[in-house]
Amino acid sequence: MANHDPISDMLTRIRNASEKRHQSTKVPASRMAQSIAKVLQQEGFIAEITEEGEGVMKHLVLELKYSGKHRQPIIRTVQRVSKPGLRVYKNTRQLPKVLGGLGVAIISTSKGVMSDRDARKQGVGGEVLAYVY
């Protein structure tokens, strides 16, 4: 696999851990991973973010959230939108509403990575990284 997409990798790890009802999942640490994790935490999909390891071995440990006594995963779907082969950009007016506003679109803007809601508030568009609901 020559072309590596770290964002896709991160989202896949979160999706898999969530489906298997793991308490937490590890993703390689990067500024982008940190930003995406922060948005997921602000939007209530992730309980906690901790860092472990040093240098290139640094990982983010994401504590996943579940609801109810049957521990239904809060994250049901994680969908990568913009890929290295096909970037997807939207301006403020075109920003997608995920599941009628129940889900969240993660947008990489000139003001950093944020949810579609925050991007609309700040009047910025950008690259649509993923949908989470």
Protein backbone atom coordinates (compact mmCIF):
# COMPACT_ATOMS: atom_id res chain seq x y z
CA MET A 1 0.00 0.00 0.00
CA ALA A 2 2.01 2.93 -1.30
CA ASN A 3 -0.46 5.78 -0.75
CA HIS A 4 -1.18 5.95 2.93
CA ASP A 5 -4.13 7.95 4.24
CA PRO A 6 -3.64 8.47 8.00
CA ILE A 7 -7.10 10.05 8.43
CA SER A 8 -8.79 7.05 6.82
CA ASP A 9 -6.69 4.78 9.00
CA MET A 10 -7.75 6.66 12.13
CA LEU A 11 -11.44 6.60 11.20
CA THR A 12 -11.28 2.88 10.41
CA ARG A 13 -9.70 2.16 13.80
CA ILE A 14 -12.45 4.14 15.54
CA ARG A 15 -15.18 2.39 13.51
CA ASN A 16 -13.76 -1.08 14.19
CA ALA A 17 -13.26 -0.49 17.91
CA SER A 18 -16.77 0.92 18.17
CA GLU A 19 -18.33 -2.08 16.39
CA LYS A 20 -16.42 -4.47 18.64
CA ARG A 21 -17.44 -2.38 21.66
CA HIS A 22 -13.86 -1.82 22.80
CA GLN A 23 -13.34 0.59 25.67
CA SER A 24 -10.69 2.51 23.76
CA THR A 25 -8.64 2.49 20.57
CA LYS A 26 -5.12 3.67 19.75
CA VAL A 27 -4.34 5.82 16.74
CA PRO A 28 -0.91 7.11 15.65
CA ALA A 29 -0.56 10.66 16.95
CA SER A 30 -0.42 13.59 14.52
CA ARG A 31 -1.68 17.16 14.60
CA MET A 32 -4.54 16.19 12.29
CA ALA A 33 -5.48 13.13 14.39
CA GLN A 34 -5.41 15.33 17.50
CA SER A 35 -7.69 17.91 15.85
CA ILE A 36 -10.17 15.32 14.60
CA ALA A 37 -10.24 13.63 18.02
CA LYS A 38 -10.91 17.01 19.67
CA VAL A 39 -13.90 17.64 17.38
CA LEU A 40 -15.25 14.14 18.10
CA GLN A 41 -14.85 14.82 21.82
CA GLN A 42 -16.59 18.22 21.62
CA GLU A 43 -19.45 16.61 19.70
CA GLY A 44 -19.82 13.91 22.36
CA PHE A 45 -18.59 10.86 20.42
CA ILE A 46 -15.41 10.31 22.43
CA ALA A 47 -15.13 10.40 26.23
CA GLU A 48 -11.43 11.06 26.64
CA ILE A 49 -8.21 11.57 24.68
CA THR A 50 -4.86 10.65 26.19
CA GLU A 51 -1.39 10.50 24.69
CA GLU A 52 1.14 7.77 25.23
CA GLY A 53 4.59 6.95 23.91
CA GLU A 54 7.40 9.18 22.67
CA GLY A 55 8.40 10.63 19.32
CA VAL A 56 7.41 8.46 16.35
CA MET A 57 5.91 5.87 18.70
CA LYS A 58 3.45 8.43 20.05
CA HIS A 59 -0.21 7.33 20.07
CA LEU A 60 -3.51 8.91 20.98
CA VAL A 61 -5.73 6.68 23.10
CA LEU A 62 -9.38 7.47 22.43
CA GLU A 63 -11.94 6.39 25.05
CA LEU A 64 -15.12 5.48 23.19
CA LYS A 65 -18.60 6.23 24.47
CA TYR A 66 -21.53 3.84 24.69
CA SER A 67 -25.13 4.36 25.73
CA GLY A 68 -27.66 2.28 27.62
CA LYS A 69 -27.29 -0.99 29.45
CA HIS A 70 -26.55 -2.88 26.22
CA ARG A 71 -23.66 -0.50 25.53
CA GLN A 72 -24.83 0.67 22.13
CA PRO A 73 -21.95 2.49 20.42
CA ILE A 74 -22.53 6.25 20.20
CA ILE A 75 -20.57 6.19 16.92
CA ARG A 76 -22.63 4.16 14.49
CA THR A 77 -21.10 5.28 11.22
CA VAL A 78 -17.80 6.87 10.32
CA GLN A 79 -17.49 7.81 6.68
CA ARG A 80 -14.44 9.30 4.98
CA VAL A 81 -15.58 11.94 2.50
CA SER A 82 -12.51 13.66 1.06
CA LYS A 83 -9.85 11.16 -0.03
CA PRO A 84 -6.29 11.74 -1.27
CA GLY A 85 -7.46 10.82 -4.79
CA LEU A 86 -10.58 12.96 -4.64
CA ARG A 87 -10.66 16.00 -2.39
CA VAL A 88 -14.08 17.40 -1.46
CA TYR A 89 -14.30 21.11 -0.70
CA LYS A 90 -17.41 23.05 0.29
CA ASN A 91 -17.98 26.72 0.99
CA THR A 92 -20.02 27.87 4.00
CA ARG A 93 -23.35 27.72 2.16
CA GLN A 94 -22.66 24.21 0.81
CA LEU A 95 -21.58 22.63 4.11
CA PRO A 96 -23.45 19.34 4.52
CA LYS A 97 -25.95 18.65 7.29
CA VAL A 98 -25.36 15.08 8.44
CA LEU A 99 -28.54 13.20 9.33
CA GLY A 100 -30.48 16.47 9.50
CA GLY A 101 -28.03 17.85 12.05
CA LEU A 102 -27.92 14.75 14.27
CA GLY A 103 -24.54 13.69 12.90
CA VAL A 104 -21.45 15.80 12.43
CA ALA A 105 -19.30 16.58 9.41
CA ILE A 106 -15.64 17.18 10.24
CA ILE A 107 -14.30 20.06 8.18
CA SER A 108 -10.68 21.13 7.76
CA THR A 109 -10.79 24.92 7.42
CA SER A 110 -8.27 27.72 7.29
CA LYS A 111 -9.09 28.24 10.99
CA GLY A 112 -8.37 24.62 11.89
CA VAL A 113 -10.37 21.42 12.02
CA MET A 114 -13.94 21.87 13.27
CA SER A 115 -17.47 20.52 13.07
CA ASP A 116 -19.81 21.68 10.31
CA ARG A 117 -21.79 23.61 12.95
CA ASP A 118 -18.74 25.61 14.07
CA ALA A 119 -17.64 26.19 10.47
CA ARG A 120 -21.09 27.64 9.68
CA LYS A 121 -20.95 29.85 12.78
CA GLN A 122 -17.54 31.18 11.77
CA GLY A 123 -18.56 31.53 8.14
CA VAL A 124 -15.78 29.35 6.75
CA GLY A 125 -15.78 26.46 4.34
CA GLY A 126 -13.09 23.89 3.72
CA GLU A 127 -12.28 20.27 3.03
CA VAL A 128 -14.96 17.85 4.21
CA LEU A 129 -12.90 15.14 5.94
CA ALA A 130 -15.59 12.83 7.31
CA TYR A 131 -19.14 12.26 8.49
CA VAL A 132 -19.74 10.77 11.92
CA TYR A 133 -23.12 9.75 13.34
